[in-house]
Amino acid sequence: MEISFFAAATVAGVFSSMGMGGGGVLIIYFSIFTTIPQIKAQGINVLFFIPVAALSVIIYHCKGMIDWKAALPFAFFGVISSYIGVRLATLIDGNLLSKIFGLLLIIMGIRELFAGIKFKIKSN
């Protein structure tokens, strides 16, 4: 295996354990640096995420950092939404799926760039 694979997995693991979307790192890595199609990259990402998420939940729980009452409804609807998302992803052409993913990354990046800026409109 290449060193870049281990670097991508490490960065994705760190980001995932912090809840910052490490899957984006893996999907981007697979899409740009390998011949793996995006839909398969997403599947690999889900498989990667399961043990990372499980360990993170255990650690966050032990530190008392999970509000289970607030989290469980999100988890419930997240599972349902995930099923719907997987079904949709398998119906969408791979090229279109890549473009949608890229557009979402651009939107998130722009949003983060301007997250701390307050825009004020002057009125006369």
PDB file of N, CA and C in Angstrom:
ATOM      1  N   MET A   1       0.840  -1.192   0.000  1.00  0.00           N
ATOM      2  CA  MET A   1       0.000   0.000   0.000  1.00  0.00           C
ATOM      3  C   MET A   1       0.875   1.242   0.000  1.00  0.00           C
ATOM      4  N   GLU A   2       0.361   2.265  -0.596  1.00  0.00           N
ATOM      5  CA  GLU A   2       1.092   3.522  -0.696  1.00  0.00           C
ATOM      6  C   GLU A   2       1.018   4.303   0.614  1.00  0.00           C
ATOM      7  N   ILE A   3       2.019   5.142   0.814  1.00  0.00           N
ATOM      8  CA  ILE A   3       2.035   5.998   2.006  1.00  0.00           C
ATOM      9  C   ILE A   3       0.859   6.980   1.980  1.00  0.00           C
ATOM     10  N   SER A   4       0.427   7.397   0.774  1.00  0.00           N
ATOM     11  CA  SER A   4      -0.687   8.343   0.675  1.00  0.00           C
ATOM     12  C   SER A   4      -1.979   7.721   1.193  1.00  0.00           C
ATOM     13  N   PHE A   5      -2.131   6.395   1.017  1.00  0.00           N
ATOM     14  CA  PHE A   5      -3.308   5.713   1.544  1.00  0.00           C
ATOM     15  C   PHE A   5      -3.343   5.814   3.063  1.00  0.00           C
ATOM     16  N   PHE A   6      -2.220   5.552   3.700  1.00  0.00           N
ATOM     17  CA  PHE A   6      -2.150   5.628   5.164  1.00  0.00           C
ATOM     18  C   PHE A   6      -2.365   7.062   5.656  1.00  0.00           C
ATOM     19  N   ALA A   7      -1.837   8.029   4.922  1.00  0.00           N
ATOM     20  CA  ALA A   7      -2.029   9.436   5.292  1.00  0.00           C
ATOM     21  C   ALA A   7      -3.502   9.819   5.184  1.00  0.00           C
ATOM     22  N   ALA A   8      -4.156   9.411   4.094  1.00  0.00           N
ATOM     23  CA  ALA A   8      -5.578   9.728   3.911  1.00  0.00           C
ATOM     24  C   ALA A   8      -6.417   9.063   5.000  1.00  0.00           C
ATOM     25  N   ALA A   9      -6.110   7.813   5.319  1.00  0.00           N
ATOM     26  CA  ALA A   9      -6.857   7.100   6.354  1.00  0.00           C
ATOM     27  C   ALA A   9      -6.650   7.742   7.724  1.00  0.00           C
ATOM     28  N   THR A  10      -5.432   8.187   8.001  1.00  0.00           N
ATOM     29  CA  THR A  10      -5.140   8.833   9.280  1.00  0.00           C
ATOM     30  C   THR A  10      -5.894  10.151   9.411  1.00  0.00           C
ATOM     31  N   VAL A  11      -5.815  10.983   8.386  1.00  0.00           N
ATOM     32  CA  VAL A  11      -6.518  12.273   8.414  1.00  0.00           C
ATOM     33  C   VAL A  11      -8.027  12.045   8.521  1.00  0.00           C
ATOM     34  N   ALA A  12      -8.548  11.104   7.737  1.00  0.00           N
ATOM     35  CA  ALA A  12      -9.982  10.802   7.795  1.00  0.00           C
ATOM     36  C   ALA A  12     -10.384  10.305   9.180  1.00  0.00           C
ATOM     37  N   GLY A  13      -9.561   9.463   9.797  1.00  0.00           N
ATOM     38  CA  GLY A  13      -9.862   8.965  11.131  1.00  0.00           C
ATOM     39  C   GLY A  13      -9.904  10.068  12.174  1.00  0.00           C
ATOM     40  N   VAL A  14      -8.930  10.967  12.104  1.00  0.00           N
ATOM     41  CA  VAL A  14      -8.890  12.084  13.053  1.00  0.00           C
ATOM     42  C   VAL A  14     -10.108  12.984  12.859  1.00  0.00           C
ATOM     43  N   PHE A  15     -10.396  13.360  11.608  1.00  0.00           N
ATOM     44  CA  PHE A  15     -11.546  14.221  11.338  1.00  0.00           C
ATOM     45  C   PHE A  15     -12.857  13.541  11.734  1.00  0.00           C
ATOM     46  N   SER A  16     -12.990  12.245  11.407  1.00  0.00           N
ATOM     47  CA  SER A  16     -14.221  11.524  11.741  1.00  0.00           C
ATOM     48  C   SER A  16     -14.439  11.466  13.243  1.00  0.00           C
ATOM     49  N   SER A  17     -13.374  11.208  13.999  1.00  0.00           N
ATOM     50  CA  SER A  17     -13.529  11.098  15.445  1.00  0.00           C
ATOM     51  C   SER A  17     -13.898  12.433  16.082  1.00  0.00           C
ATOM     52  N   MET A  18     -13.614  13.512  15.406  1.00  0.00           N
ATOM     53  CA  MET A  18     -14.004  14.837  15.899  1.00  0.00           C
ATOM     54  C   MET A  18     -15.359  15.274  15.348  1.00  0.00           C
ATOM     55  N   GLY A  19     -15.982  14.425  14.520  1.00  0.00           N
ATOM     56  CA  GLY A  19     -17.274  14.765  13.941  1.00  0.00           C
ATOM     57  C   GLY A  19     -17.183  15.795  12.831  1.00  0.00           C
ATOM     58  N   MET A  20     -16.028  15.859  12.169  1.00  0.00           N
ATOM     59  CA  MET A  20     -15.825  16.900  11.147  1.00  0.00           C
ATOM     60  C   MET A  20     -15.868  16.350   9.723  1.00  0.00           C
ATOM     61  N   GLY A  21     -16.427  15.191   9.503  1.00  0.00           N
ATOM     62  CA  GLY A  21     -16.587  14.701   8.152  1.00  0.00           C
ATOM     63  C   GLY A  21     -15.333  14.159   7.502  1.00  0.00           C
ATOM     64  N   GLY A  22     -14.700  13.222   8.149  1.00  0.00           N
ATOM     65  CA  GLY A  22     -13.518  12.601   7.579  1.00  0.00           C
ATOM     66  C   GLY A  22     -13.801  11.834   6.301  1.00  0.00           C
ATOM     67  N   GLY A  23     -15.070  11.488   6.105  1.00  0.00           N
ATOM     68  CA  GLY A  23     -15.454  10.785   4.888  1.00  0.00           C
ATOM     69  C   GLY A  23     -15.152  11.579   3.640  1.00  0.00           C
ATOM     70  N   GLY A  24     -15.247  12.884   3.756  1.00  0.00           N
ATOM     71  CA  GLY A  24     -14.907  13.725   2.611  1.00  0.00           C
ATOM     72  C   GLY A  24     -13.473  13.515   2.180  1.00  0.00           C
ATOM     73  N   VAL A  25     -12.590  13.329   3.148  1.00  0.00           N
ATOM     74  CA  VAL A  25     -11.175  13.097   2.849  1.00  0.00           C
ATOM     75  C   VAL A  25     -11.015  11.790   2.088  1.00  0.00           C
ATOM     76  N   LEU A  26     -11.657  10.734   2.580  1.00  0.00           N
ATOM     77  CA  LEU A  26     -11.522   9.438   1.923  1.00  0.00           C
ATOM     78  C   LEU A  26     -12.127   9.437   0.526  1.00  0.00           C
ATOM     79  N   ILE A  27     -13.300  10.002   0.386  1.00  0.00           N
ATOM     80  CA  ILE A  27     -13.952  10.001  -0.923  1.00  0.00           C
ATOM     81  C   ILE A  27     -13.141  10.813  -1.920  1.00  0.00           C
ATOM     82  N   ILE A  28     -12.622  11.950  -1.482  1.00  0.00           N
ATOM     83  CA  ILE A  28     -11.775  12.757  -2.359  1.00  0.00           C
ATOM     84  C   ILE A  28     -10.513  11.982  -2.724  1.00  0.00           C
ATOM     85  N   TYR A  29      -9.897  11.333  -1.745  1.00  0.00           N
ATOM     86  CA  TYR A  29      -8.683  10.551  -2.007  1.00  0.00           C
ATOM     87  C   TYR A  29      -8.964   9.464  -3.048  1.00  0.00           C
ATOM     88  N   PHE A  30     -10.004   8.667  -2.808  1.00  0.00           N
ATOM     89  CA  PHE A  30     -10.308   7.585  -3.738  1.00  0.00           C
ATOM     90  C   PHE A  30     -10.663   8.108  -5.124  1.00  0.00           C
ATOM     91  N   SER A  31     -11.394   9.209  -5.184  1.00  0.00           N
ATOM     92  CA  SER A  31     -11.835   9.749  -6.472  1.00  0.00           C
ATOM     93  C   SER A  31     -10.687  10.339  -7.283  1.00  0.00           C
ATOM     94  N   ILE A  32      -9.730  10.949  -6.626  1.00  0.00           N
ATOM     95  CA  ILE A  32      -8.642  11.628  -7.345  1.00  0.00           C
ATOM     96  C   ILE A  32      -7.429  10.722  -7.544  1.00  0.00           C
ATOM     97  N   PHE A  33      -7.047   9.966  -6.534  1.00  0.00           N
ATOM     98  CA  PHE A  33      -5.781   9.238  -6.562  1.00  0.00           C
ATOM     99  C   PHE A  33      -5.893   7.752  -6.875  1.00  0.00           C
ATOM    100  N   THR A  34      -7.095   7.233  -7.034  1.00  0.00           N
ATOM    101  CA  THR A  34      -7.262   5.825  -7.389  1.00  0.00           C
ATOM    102  C   THR A  34      -8.250   5.721  -8.547  1.00  0.00           C
ATOM    103  N   THR A  35      -8.476   4.520  -9.006  1.00  0.00           N
ATOM    104  CA  THR A  35      -9.455   4.295 -10.085  1.00  0.00           C
ATOM    105  C   THR A  35     -10.799   3.845  -9.532  1.00  0.00           C
ATOM    106  N   ILE A  36     -10.966   3.933  -8.224  1.00  0.00           N
ATOM    107  CA  ILE A  36     -12.217   3.508  -7.592  1.00  0.00           C
ATOM    108  C   ILE A  36     -13.312   4.522  -7.911  1.00  0.00           C
ATOM    109  N   PRO A  37     -14.455   4.076  -8.468  1.00  0.00           N
ATOM    110  CA  PRO A  37     -15.558   4.999  -8.743  1.00  0.00           C
ATOM    111  C   PRO A  37     -16.131   5.581  -7.450  1.00  0.00           C
ATOM    112  N   GLN A  38     -16.747   6.734  -7.551  1.00  0.00           N
ATOM    113  CA  GLN A  38     -17.223   7.424  -6.356  1.00  0.00           C
ATOM    114  C   GLN A  38     -18.233   6.601  -5.572  1.00  0.00           C
ATOM    115  N   ILE A  39     -19.133   5.915  -6.225  1.00  0.00           N
ATOM    116  CA  ILE A  39     -20.149   5.149  -5.492  1.00  0.00           C
ATOM    117  C   ILE A  39     -19.486   4.064  -4.635  1.00  0.00           C
ATOM    118  N   LYS A  40     -18.417   3.442  -5.142  1.00  0.00           N
ATOM    119  CA  LYS A  40     -17.685   2.453  -4.345  1.00  0.00           C
ATOM    120  C   LYS A  40     -16.881   3.138  -3.249  1.00  0.00           C
ATOM    121  N   ALA A  41     -16.356   4.324  -3.543  1.00  0.00           N
ATOM    122  CA  ALA A  41     -15.623   5.089  -2.529  1.00  0.00           C
ATOM    123  C   ALA A  41     -16.546   5.417  -1.354  1.00  0.00           C
ATOM    124  N   GLN A  42     -17.792   5.727  -1.657  1.00  0.00           N
ATOM    125  CA  GLN A  42     -18.751   6.020  -0.595  1.00  0.00           C
ATOM    126  C   GLN A  42     -19.004   4.775   0.255  1.00  0.00           C
ATOM    127  N   GLY A  43     -19.095   3.618  -0.392  1.00  0.00           N
ATOM    128  CA  GLY A  43     -19.282   2.374   0.356  1.00  0.00           C
ATOM    129  C   GLY A  43     -18.096   2.068   1.253  1.00  0.00           C
ATOM    130  N   ILE A  44     -16.890   2.256   0.721  1.00  0.00           N
ATOM    131  CA  ILE A  44     -15.680   2.048   1.525  1.00  0.00           C
ATOM    132  C   ILE A  44     -15.664   3.022   2.701  1.00  0.00           C
ATOM    133  N   ASN A  45     -16.065   4.249   2.439  1.00  0.00           N
ATOM    134  CA  ASN A  45     -16.109   5.260   3.490  1.00  0.00           C
ATOM    135  C   ASN A  45     -17.040   4.843   4.619  1.00  0.00           C
ATOM    136  N   VAL A  46     -18.197   4.287   4.282  1.00  0.00           N
ATOM    137  CA  VAL A  46     -19.141   3.847   5.311  1.00  0.00           C
ATOM    138  C   VAL A  46     -18.527   2.722   6.138  1.00  0.00           C
ATOM    139  N   LEU A  47     -17.879   1.770   5.468  1.00  0.00           N
ATOM    140  CA  LEU A  47     -17.235   0.676   6.184  1.00  0.00           C
ATOM    141  C   LEU A  47     -16.123   1.191   7.100  1.00  0.00           C
ATOM    142  N   PHE A  48     -15.366   2.167   6.620  1.00  0.00           N
ATOM    143  CA  PHE A  48     -14.310   2.798   7.414  1.00  0.00           C
ATOM    144  C   PHE A  48     -14.903   3.506   8.631  1.00  0.00           C
ATOM    145  N   PHE A  49     -16.043   4.142   8.436  1.00  0.00           N
ATOM    146  CA  PHE A  49     -16.622   4.986   9.466  1.00  0.00           C
ATOM    147  C   PHE A  49     -17.183   4.194  10.644  1.00  0.00           C
ATOM    148  N   ILE A  50     -17.652   2.974  10.409  1.00  0.00           N
ATOM    149  CA  ILE A  50     -18.319   2.217  11.472  1.00  0.00           C
ATOM    150  C   ILE A  50     -17.421   2.017  12.700  1.00  0.00           C
ATOM    151  N   PRO A  51     -16.217   1.456  12.558  1.00  0.00           N
ATOM    152  CA  PRO A  51     -15.390   1.290  13.765  1.00  0.00           C
ATOM    153  C   PRO A  51     -14.912   2.616  14.352  1.00  0.00           C
ATOM    154  N   VAL A  52     -14.644   3.602  13.493  1.00  0.00           N
ATOM    155  CA  VAL A  52     -14.213   4.919  13.984  1.00  0.00           C
ATOM    156  C   VAL A  52     -15.341   5.544  14.807  1.00  0.00           C
ATOM    157  N   ALA A  53     -16.559   5.472  14.303  1.00  0.00           N
ATOM    158  CA  ALA A  53     -17.708   6.039  15.010  1.00  0.00           C
ATOM    159  C   ALA A  53     -17.954   5.298  16.322  1.00  0.00           C
ATOM    160  N   ALA A  54     -17.863   3.971  16.294  1.00  0.00           N
ATOM    161  CA  ALA A  54     -18.102   3.190  17.511  1.00  0.00           C
ATOM    162  C   ALA A  54     -17.109   3.559  18.610  1.00  0.00           C
ATOM    163  N   LEU A  55     -15.841   3.620  18.262  1.00  0.00           N
ATOM    164  CA  LEU A  55     -14.822   3.993  19.250  1.00  0.00           C
ATOM    165  C   LEU A  55     -15.041   5.425  19.748  1.00  0.00           C
ATOM    166  N   SER A  56     -15.373   6.322  18.840  1.00  0.00           N
ATOM    167  CA  SER A  56     -15.606   7.722  19.226  1.00  0.00           C
ATOM    168  C   SER A  56     -16.789   7.844  20.168  1.00  0.00           C
ATOM    169  N   VAL A  57     -17.868   7.108  19.892  1.00  0.00           N
ATOM    170  CA  VAL A  57     -19.046   7.141  20.769  1.00  0.00           C
ATOM    171  C   VAL A  57     -18.674   6.657  22.167  1.00  0.00           C
ATOM    172  N   ILE A  58     -17.904   5.585  22.249  1.00  0.00           N
ATOM    173  CA  ILE A  58     -17.487   5.068  23.560  1.00  0.00           C
ATOM    174  C   ILE A  58     -16.691   6.128  24.328  1.00  0.00           C
ATOM    175  N   ILE A  59     -15.728   6.745  23.664  1.00  0.00           N
ATOM    176  CA  ILE A  59     -14.886   7.744  24.338  1.00  0.00           C
ATOM    177  C   ILE A  59     -15.692   8.974  24.733  1.00  0.00           C
ATOM    178  N   TYR A  60     -16.506   9.489  23.805  1.00  0.00           N
ATOM    179  CA  TYR A  60     -17.319  10.667  24.128  1.00  0.00           C
ATOM    180  C   TYR A  60     -18.308  10.350  25.251  1.00  0.00           C
ATOM    181  N   HIS A  61     -18.887   9.143  25.244  1.00  0.00           N
ATOM    182  CA  HIS A  61     -19.816   8.756  26.306  1.00  0.00           C
ATOM    183  C   HIS A  61     -19.104   8.703  27.663  1.00  0.00           C
ATOM    184  N   CYS A  62     -17.927   8.077  27.688  1.00  0.00           N
ATOM    185  CA  CYS A  62     -17.171   7.966  28.945  1.00  0.00           C
ATOM    186  C   CYS A  62     -16.798   9.335  29.508  1.00  0.00           C
ATOM    187  N   LYS A  63     -16.620  10.302  28.651  1.00  0.00           N
ATOM    188  CA  LYS A  63     -16.287  11.657  29.100  1.00  0.00           C
ATOM    189  C   LYS A  63     -17.549  12.480  29.387  1.00  0.00           C
ATOM    190  N   GLY A  64     -18.722  11.874  29.224  1.00  0.00           N
ATOM    191  CA  GLY A  64     -19.979  12.565  29.507  1.00  0.00           C
ATOM    192  C   GLY A  64     -20.308  13.654  28.500  1.00  0.00           C
ATOM    193  N   MET A  65     -19.840  13.483  27.288  1.00  0.00           N
ATOM    194  CA  MET A  65     -20.002  14.537  26.275  1.00  0.00           C
ATOM    195  C   MET A  65     -21.136  14.258  25.284  1.00  0.00           C
ATOM    196  N   ILE A  66     -21.989  13.280  25.572  1.00  0.00           N
ATOM    197  CA  ILE A  66     -23.116  12.982  24.683  1.00  0.00           C
ATOM    198  C   ILE A  66     -24.410  13.224  25.438  1.00  0.00           C
ATOM    199  N   ASP A  67     -25.244  14.038  24.879  1.00  0.00           N
ATOM    200  CA  ASP A  67     -26.596  14.247  25.405  1.00  0.00           C
ATOM    201  C   ASP A  67     -27.495  13.247  24.674  1.00  0.00           C
ATOM    202  N   TRP A  68     -27.683  12.067  25.278  1.00  0.00           N
ATOM    203  CA  TRP A  68     -28.382  10.973  24.621  1.00  0.00           C
ATOM    204  C   TRP A  68     -29.823  11.342  24.272  1.00  0.00           C
ATOM    205  N   LYS A  69     -30.458  12.143  25.126  1.00  0.00           N
ATOM    206  CA  LYS A  69     -31.848  12.533  24.875  1.00  0.00           C
ATOM    207  C   LYS A  69     -31.955  13.353  23.586  1.00  0.00           C
ATOM    208  N   ALA A  70     -30.974  14.197  23.347  1.00  0.00           N
ATOM    209  CA  ALA A  70     -30.969  15.003  22.127  1.00  0.00           C
ATOM    210  C   ALA A  70     -30.456  14.199  20.930  1.00  0.00           C
ATOM    211  N   ALA A  71     -29.506  13.299  21.176  1.00  0.00           N
ATOM    212  CA  ALA A  71     -28.844  12.583  20.075  1.00  0.00           C
ATOM    213  C   ALA A  71     -29.697  11.471  19.471  1.00  0.00           C
ATOM    214  N   LEU A  72     -30.475  10.760  20.272  1.00  0.00           N
ATOM    215  CA  LEU A  72     -31.203   9.595  19.765  1.00  0.00           C
ATOM    216  C   LEU A  72     -32.209   9.919  18.656  1.00  0.00           C
ATOM    217  N   PRO A  73     -32.989  11.009  18.757  1.00  0.00           N
ATOM    218  CA  PRO A  73     -33.872  11.313  17.620  1.00  0.00           C
ATOM    219  C   PRO A  73     -33.086  11.590  16.328  1.00  0.00           C
ATOM    220  N   PHE A  74     -31.937  12.262  16.444  1.00  0.00           N
ATOM    221  CA  PHE A  74     -31.110  12.510  15.264  1.00  0.00           C
ATOM    222  C   PHE A  74     -30.602  11.188  14.689  1.00  0.00           C
ATOM    223  N   ALA A  75     -30.191  10.287  15.575  1.00  0.00           N
ATOM    224  CA  ALA A  75     -29.696   8.989  15.122  1.00  0.00           C
ATOM    225  C   ALA A  75     -30.802   8.206  14.415  1.00  0.00           C
ATOM    226  N   PHE A  76     -31.987   8.222  14.980  1.00  0.00           N
ATOM    227  CA  PHE A  76     -33.127   7.507  14.382  1.00  0.00           C
ATOM    228  C   PHE A  76     -33.412   8.021  12.974  1.00  0.00           C
ATOM    229  N   PHE A  77     -33.572   9.331  12.859  1.00  0.00           N
ATOM    230  CA  PHE A  77     -33.875   9.897  11.537  1.00  0.00           C
ATOM    231  C   PHE A  77     -32.664   9.823  10.607  1.00  0.00           C
ATOM    232  N   GLY A  78     -31.468   9.808  11.175  1.00  0.00           N
ATOM    233  CA  GLY A  78     -30.269   9.636  10.365  1.00  0.00           C
ATOM    234  C   GLY A  78     -30.219   8.273   9.701  1.00  0.00           C
ATOM    235  N   VAL A  79     -30.635   7.248  10.424  1.00  0.00           N
ATOM    236  CA  VAL A  79     -30.667   5.895   9.859  1.00  0.00           C
ATOM    237  C   VAL A  79     -31.671   5.825   8.712  1.00  0.00           C
ATOM    238  N   ILE A  80     -32.841   6.385   8.919  1.00  0.00           N
ATOM    239  CA  ILE A  80     -33.861   6.390   7.863  1.00  0.00           C
ATOM    240  C   ILE A  80     -33.366   7.181   6.653  1.00  0.00           C
ATOM    241  N   SER A  81     -32.799   8.346   6.896  1.00  0.00           N
ATOM    242  CA  SER A  81     -32.293   9.180   5.805  1.00  0.00           C
ATOM    243  C   SER A  81     -31.129   8.514   5.077  1.00  0.00           C
ATOM    244  N   SER A  82     -30.306   7.786   5.806  1.00  0.00           N
ATOM    245  CA  SER A  82     -29.191   7.073   5.185  1.00  0.00           C
ATOM    246  C   SER A  82     -29.694   6.034   4.203  1.00  0.00           C
ATOM    247  N   TYR A  83     -30.732   5.322   4.583  1.00  0.00           N
ATOM    248  CA  TYR A  83     -31.309   4.326   3.681  1.00  0.00           C
ATOM    249  C   TYR A  83     -31.806   4.991   2.397  1.00  0.00           C
ATOM    250  N   ILE A  84     -32.507   6.095   2.564  1.00  0.00           N
ATOM    251  CA  ILE A  84     -33.018   6.825   1.392  1.00  0.00           C
ATOM    252  C   ILE A  84     -31.856   7.334   0.539  1.00  0.00           C
ATOM    253  N   GLY A  85     -30.825   7.862   1.193  1.00  0.00           N
ATOM    254  CA  GLY A  85     -29.664   8.379   0.464  1.00  0.00           C
ATOM    255  C   GLY A  85     -28.941   7.306  -0.328  1.00  0.00           C
ATOM    256  N   VAL A  86     -28.776   6.125   0.261  1.00  0.00           N
ATOM    257  CA  VAL A  86     -28.117   5.022  -0.442  1.00  0.00           C
ATOM    258  C   VAL A  86     -28.939   4.616  -1.661  1.00  0.00           C
ATOM    259  N   ARG A  87     -30.224   4.527  -1.502  1.00  0.00           N
ATOM    260  CA  ARG A  87     -31.092   4.155  -2.637  1.00  0.00           C
ATOM    261  C   ARG A  87     -30.977   5.202  -3.748  1.00  0.00           C
ATOM    262  N   LEU A  88     -30.982   6.483  -3.384  1.00  0.00           N
ATOM    263  CA  LEU A  88     -30.842   7.540  -4.389  1.00  0.00           C
ATOM    264  C   LEU A  88     -29.478   7.504  -5.059  1.00  0.00           C
ATOM    265  N   ALA A  89     -28.429   7.296  -4.272  1.00  0.00           N
ATOM    266  CA  ALA A  89     -27.068   7.286  -4.822  1.00  0.00           C
ATOM    267  C   ALA A  89     -26.886   6.180  -5.847  1.00  0.00           C
ATOM    268  N   THR A  90     -27.541   5.046  -5.634  1.00  0.00           N
ATOM    269  CA  THR A  90     -27.396   3.950  -6.588  1.00  0.00           C
ATOM    270  C   THR A  90     -28.200   4.196  -7.868  1.00  0.00           C
ATOM    271  N   LEU A  91     -29.126   5.134  -7.814  1.00  0.00           N
ATOM    272  CA  LEU A  91     -29.920   5.462  -9.001  1.00  0.00           C
ATOM    273  C   LEU A  91     -29.295   6.576  -9.837  1.00  0.00           C
ATOM    274  N   ILE A  92     -28.424   7.370  -9.223  1.00  0.00           N
ATOM    275  CA  ILE A  92     -27.825   8.525  -9.897  1.00  0.00           C
ATOM    276  C   ILE A  92     -26.562   8.094 -10.632  1.00  0.00           C
ATOM    277  N   ASP A  93     -26.381   8.597 -11.843  1.00  0.00           N
ATOM    278  CA  ASP A  93     -25.181   8.322 -12.628  1.00  0.00           C
ATOM    279  C   ASP A  93     -23.942   8.769 -11.854  1.00  0.00           C
ATOM    280  N   GLY A  94     -22.854   7.998 -11.963  1.00  0.00           N
ATOM    281  CA  GLY A  94     -21.627   8.278 -11.223  1.00  0.00           C
ATOM    282  C   GLY A  94     -21.048   9.653 -11.497  1.00  0.00           C
ATOM    283  N   ASN A  95     -21.089  10.104 -12.758  1.00  0.00           N
ATOM    284  CA  ASN A  95     -20.566  11.441 -13.084  1.00  0.00           C
ATOM    285  C   ASN A  95     -21.389  12.531 -12.417  1.00  0.00           C
ATOM    286  N   LEU A  96     -22.700  12.389 -12.453  1.00  0.00           N
ATOM    287  CA  LEU A  96     -23.568  13.384 -11.810  1.00  0.00           C
ATOM    288  C   LEU A  96     -23.362  13.352 -10.299  1.00  0.00           C
ATOM    289  N   LEU A  97     -23.224  12.158  -9.734  1.00  0.00           N
ATOM    290  CA  LEU A  97     -22.988  12.025  -8.302  1.00  0.00           C
ATOM    291  C   LEU A  97     -21.699  12.740  -7.902  1.00  0.00           C
ATOM    292  N   SER A  98     -20.649  12.591  -8.710  1.00  0.00           N
ATOM    293  CA  SER A  98     -19.378  13.280  -8.440  1.00  0.00           C
ATOM    294  C   SER A  98     -19.544  14.790  -8.494  1.00  0.00           C
ATOM    295  N   LYS A  99     -20.316  15.267  -9.451  1.00  0.00           N
ATOM    296  CA  LYS A  99     -20.533  16.714  -9.573  1.00  0.00           C
ATOM    297  C   LYS A  99     -21.343  17.258  -8.399  1.00  0.00           C
ATOM    298  N   ILE A 100     -22.340  16.509  -7.964  1.00  0.00           N
ATOM    299  CA  ILE A 100     -23.133  16.927  -6.799  1.00  0.00           C
ATOM    300  C   ILE A 100     -22.245  16.984  -5.565  1.00  0.00           C
ATOM    301  N   PHE A 101     -21.422  15.958  -5.371  1.00  0.00           N
ATOM    302  CA  PHE A 101     -20.510  15.915  -4.226  1.00  0.00           C
ATOM    303  C   PHE A 101     -19.541  17.096  -4.272  1.00  0.00           C
ATOM    304  N   GLY A 102     -18.968  17.357  -5.454  1.00  0.00           N
ATOM    305  CA  GLY A 102     -18.048  18.491  -5.610  1.00  0.00           C
ATOM    306  C   GLY A 102     -18.723  19.813  -5.311  1.00  0.00           C
ATOM    307  N   LEU A 103     -19.946  19.985  -5.795  1.00  0.00           N
ATOM    308  CA  LEU A 103     -20.691  21.219  -5.542  1.00  0.00           C
ATOM    309  C   LEU A 103     -20.941  21.396  -4.050  1.00  0.00           C
ATOM    310  N   LEU A 104     -21.307  20.331  -3.371  1.00  0.00           N
ATOM    311  CA  LEU A 104     -21.528  20.422  -1.918  1.00  0.00           C
ATOM    312  C   LEU A 104     -20.247  20.785  -1.183  1.00  0.00           C
ATOM    313  N   LEU A 105     -19.114  20.228  -1.622  1.00  0.00           N
ATOM    314  CA  LEU A 105     -17.834  20.592  -1.000  1.00  0.00           C
ATOM    315  C   LEU A 105     -17.520  22.073  -1.212  1.00  0.00           C
ATOM    316  N   ILE A 106     -17.786  22.571  -2.406  1.00  0.00           N
ATOM    317  CA  ILE A 106     -17.548  23.995  -2.688  1.00  0.00           C
ATOM    318  C   ILE A 106     -18.445  24.866  -1.815  1.00  0.00           C
ATOM    319  N   ILE A 107     -19.705  24.509  -1.709  1.00  0.00           N
ATOM    320  CA  ILE A 107     -20.646  25.286  -0.885  1.00  0.00           C
ATOM    321  C   ILE A 107     -20.199  25.284   0.573  1.00  0.00           C
ATOM    322  N   MET A 108     -19.799  24.119   1.090  1.00  0.00           N
ATOM    323  CA  MET A 108     -19.339  24.049   2.481  1.00  0.00           C
ATOM    324  C   MET A 108     -18.063  24.864   2.673  1.00  0.00           C
ATOM    325  N   GLY A 109     -17.168  24.814   1.701  1.00  0.00           N
ATOM    326  CA  GLY A 109     -15.926  25.589   1.793  1.00  0.00           C
ATOM    327  C   GLY A 109     -16.191  27.082   1.811  1.00  0.00           C
ATOM    328  N   ILE A 110     -17.054  27.550   0.929  1.00  0.00           N
ATOM    329  CA  ILE A 110     -17.404  28.982   0.887  1.00  0.00           C
ATOM    330  C   ILE A 110     -18.072  29.398   2.194  1.00  0.00           C
ATOM    331  N   ARG A 111     -18.957  28.543   2.680  1.00  0.00           N
ATOM    332  CA  ARG A 111     -19.641  28.850   3.943  1.00  0.00           C
ATOM    333  C   ARG A 111     -18.629  28.979   5.081  1.00  0.00           C
ATOM    334  N   GLU A 112     -17.653  28.086   5.132  1.00  0.00           N
ATOM    335  CA  GLU A 112     -16.640  28.140   6.185  1.00  0.00           C
ATOM    336  C   GLU A 112     -15.751  29.370   6.055  1.00  0.00           C
ATOM    337  N   LEU A 113     -15.446  29.753   4.824  1.00  0.00           N
ATOM    338  CA  LEU A 113     -14.624  30.954   4.618  1.00  0.00           C
ATOM    339  C   LEU A 113     -15.272  32.197   5.203  1.00  0.00           C
ATOM    340  N   PHE A 114     -16.589  32.261   5.097  1.00  0.00           N
ATOM    341  CA  PHE A 114     -17.300  33.454   5.531  1.00  0.00           C
ATOM    342  C   PHE A 114     -18.057  33.254   6.846  1.00  0.00           C
ATOM    343  N   ALA A 115     -17.784  32.172   7.572  1.00  0.00           N
ATOM    344  CA  ALA A 115     -18.537  31.833   8.784  1.00  0.00           C
ATOM    345  C   ALA A 115     -18.417  32.895   9.873  1.00  0.00           C
ATOM    346  N   GLY A 116     -17.252  33.491  10.051  1.00  0.00           N
ATOM    347  CA  GLY A 116     -17.054  34.454  11.131  1.00  0.00           C
ATOM    348  C   GLY A 116     -17.280  35.907  10.725  1.00  0.00           C
ATOM    349  N   ILE A 117     -17.619  36.135   9.479  1.00  0.00           N
ATOM    350  CA  ILE A 117     -17.782  37.495   8.986  1.00  0.00           C
ATOM    351  C   ILE A 117     -19.238  37.930   9.118  1.00  0.00           C
ATOM    352  N   LYS A 118     -19.421  39.073   9.739  1.00  0.00           N
ATOM    353  CA  LYS A 118     -20.756  39.655   9.868  1.00  0.00           C
ATOM    354  C   LYS A 118     -20.915  40.740   8.806  1.00  0.00           C
ATOM    355  N   PHE A 119     -21.910  40.598   7.984  1.00  0.00           N
ATOM    356  CA  PHE A 119     -22.156  41.601   6.952  1.00  0.00           C
ATOM    357  C   PHE A 119     -23.193  42.583   7.455  1.00  0.00           C
ATOM    358  N   LYS A 120     -22.844  43.871   7.348  1.00  0.00           N
ATOM    359  CA  LYS A 120     -23.771  44.926   7.775  1.00  0.00           C
ATOM    360  C   LYS A 120     -24.163  45.749   6.558  1.00  0.00           C
ATOM    361  N   ILE A 121     -25.441  46.011   6.462  1.00  0.00           N
ATOM    362  CA  ILE A 121     -25.931  46.835   5.369  1.00  0.00           C
ATOM    363  C   ILE A 121     -26.212  48.228   5.912  1.00  0.00           C
ATOM    364  N   LYS A 122     -25.595  49.210   5.273  1.00  0.00           N
ATOM    365  CA  LYS A 122     -25.813  50.586   5.693  1.00  0.00           C
ATOM    366  C   LYS A 122     -27.129  51.081   5.129  1.00  0.00           C
ATOM    367  N   SER A 123     -27.875  51.775   5.972  1.00  0.00           N
ATOM    368  CA  SER A 123     -29.115  52.377   5.486  1.00  0.00           C
ATOM    369  C   SER A 123     -29.021  53.898   5.689  1.00  0.00           C
ATOM    370  N   ASN A 124     -29.537  54.588   4.733  1.00  0.00           N
ATOM    371  CA  ASN A 124     -29.484  56.067   4.792  1.00  0.00           C
ATOM    372  C   ASN A 124     -30.738  56.642   5.336  1.00  0.00           C
TER     373      ASN A 124
END
